[in-house]
Structure formats: C-alpha cells, structure tokens
Amino acid sequence: MARATGIGSLPGTDIREALKGVREILGDGHLPYLPELPARGPGADMIGRAAGLLVDLHVDLQPSGWRFVERGGHDGQRTRALLRQDLDELAEAFDGYEGDLKLQCTGPWTLAAGIELQRGEKALSDPGAVRDLLGSLAEGLRVHLGDVARLVPGATLVLQLDEPSLPAVLAGHLPTASGYGHLRPVDPQTVVNGLREVLAAASDDAGPGAATVVHCCDSGIPLPLLRATGVGAVALDVTALTPQRWESIAATVEDGVALYAGCLPTDGSGTVRGAADVVSRGWRDAGMATTTLGDLTASPACGLPGLTPEGAWRVQRAAVAVAAEWSERAES
C-alpha cells in the first residue's frame, strides 16, 4: 500500500500543535515525522538545527550566518533547548505509538556549505573541517536517534538527510566569501563517502530496521550518485519532470531505492487527481508497472513553512488521498 509523509518543515511556532496534526493525519499507516518549525527563529532553521546536533563542534550566529567558534554561546544553547522541547513534546504526542517515525536533519554537504569557518569562508572550502564535520554529525545523529528510540520505543526510525545544496556542491556553484569566485567542486566519490558515513548513523544506533532517505528539491538532484551511497529512498520534486528524468527515477527504483514522490506543490495549488495523475503517467511512460504504484510514498514537493497552518494541513491530507489513489490503481 502506498503511504504519505511530509518533508519536515511546517508553519507556526507551536510544536505541540504541529505534532498533534502530524499524528492525526499520518499516524495510521502512513509516515509521521518530527516537524521543524523555522518560524521560531534562529536555531529552528535547518542549518542551526543540524548544527545543534554536532558533537565537540560549536557554532554561533553571526550577521552572515552560522559560524564555527571555539566555545559555545547563547545561540548554540538556544538551538539545543528547542530540540529538547521538541523531544519532550514528541514523547507525549507519540506515547504508545508503534510504526515508522521520520526524523529530518540537514545533510553534511549542505551543512558544510552553510556554516562558516572562523575566518569567514564556508566550511566546505577546508577538507579538514569537512572531515571533522562529517564525524561530528554522524556521532550527533547516533545520539539523537538513540534518544528518540528511548522516548518512543515502539517506533521504527527513518532518518532523512536534507541536501538542497548538493548539486551546487558537486558543480562548484557556491560563491566564495568575497563573492568574486566560487568554491571548488567536490569530487563525487568524496561526496558519496561522506553521505555513507552519516547515513550509517541510522543503522548503527537505531537498529537493523532503521531506514534512510536523502531529500533534494533541486531539479539537479544527482540520482546515480545517491544510488551509490546505499540510501534506502530518495525524496524529490516530481511535479515537472522530463521523460528522461523519469527514466532515471525508474533506474533508481529498479536498483532497490524507494521513491518519495513530491507530487503536491508547496503553494497549496495542487489537486489530488492532478498529483496522482502526474506520477502515474511518468511511472507508466518510464516502463514501470502500475502494480508498483503501491510502493510509493506521496509527499509535498518540499517543506511547507510558507503556508498557513490550515493550508499546510490541507496539503498533508491531500498527500494521504494521493497515496490512497495510487493504492487503488495498483490493485485495479
């Protein structure tokens, strides 16, 4: 049976209400998740939230963004306090829950492209800093997954790494601190190895049932590279794909990687029938059997923080309806 999920970010600042909505809509046979609420400010944004998980690395918020510092300060403390609050609320909202539960975290390459070194350049520019970040993030995720496993013992955890900057990292499109040049492209094998190291945190601490996803909403998502990481699933925007892109998705699925199909626009304009049809059509044209539509996961194309809470819940419910439509078509 097809199921539905969300990418992670939602509007508003009330984590209790967000968790309540997620469990009500997705908690029965779908894939609920721990929401991210960037409207709460610094430390709730995707870079700051992931930086708060780092072990033995400290960050502080500067006018230009997050920066590594020698000693942690108020900004890092606020980030960790927000996450502790979220986990307390998660334990209450999902008390007695049994089933899959998804956690999101900014992936290592987007994180390295988003945090500055003390001299102002991006961490991505320094291979030593990248190695430190990879190990620190992997260890932080092991701790995080272990904490959630203890708080919601009936859950099978799914780790999603968000990598919107991955195509720019590979292509060398990220600007230097001066703005007059670009950082060197990172070797694809180095990227694969880094993702493998961080993805391994799921199997190391969350047990053999843990699953992994890499999400990238950029149209240049490197599917062949992601297949090489051993990731369990890829999540991407499928609202406007070319036939060639669908063929790449088919090759990815045939290689054993599941698809989280971002079929609903993040502006709330999509319809259930339209979203179900665009995937069914692309799936069929790529030579995939209709019966395998039931293996898909329906989601919004990306996060939903730009909508009202009511609008975000409409999109989330639409994803559930799309999954039901795919399941029906798979069985017919």
Foldseek 3Di string as FASTA:
>chain_A
DAAAEAQAEAADDDQLVVLLLQCVQHVPPHEGEQHQYCVVDQLSDQLNLLQLLFDCWEWDADPVGIETDNDHDDRSVVNVVVVVVSLVSNLVSQPPGAEAYEYEHAALVVNQLGYHYPVGWGNLQPPVSSVSSLVRSLVSLLVVLQSSCVSNVNYAYEYEHEYQCLVCLQVQVRATRVRPGTRDRDDLVVVLVSRLSNQVSQCVRRHPSYAYEYEYADPVPDLVSVLSNVHQEYEYEQQDDDLVVLLSVVVSVVSRHAYAYQQAELVLPDALVSSLVSVCVSCVSSPHDLLCLLRYYYYHRHHRRPDDNVSVSVRSNSSRSNNVVSNVSNVD
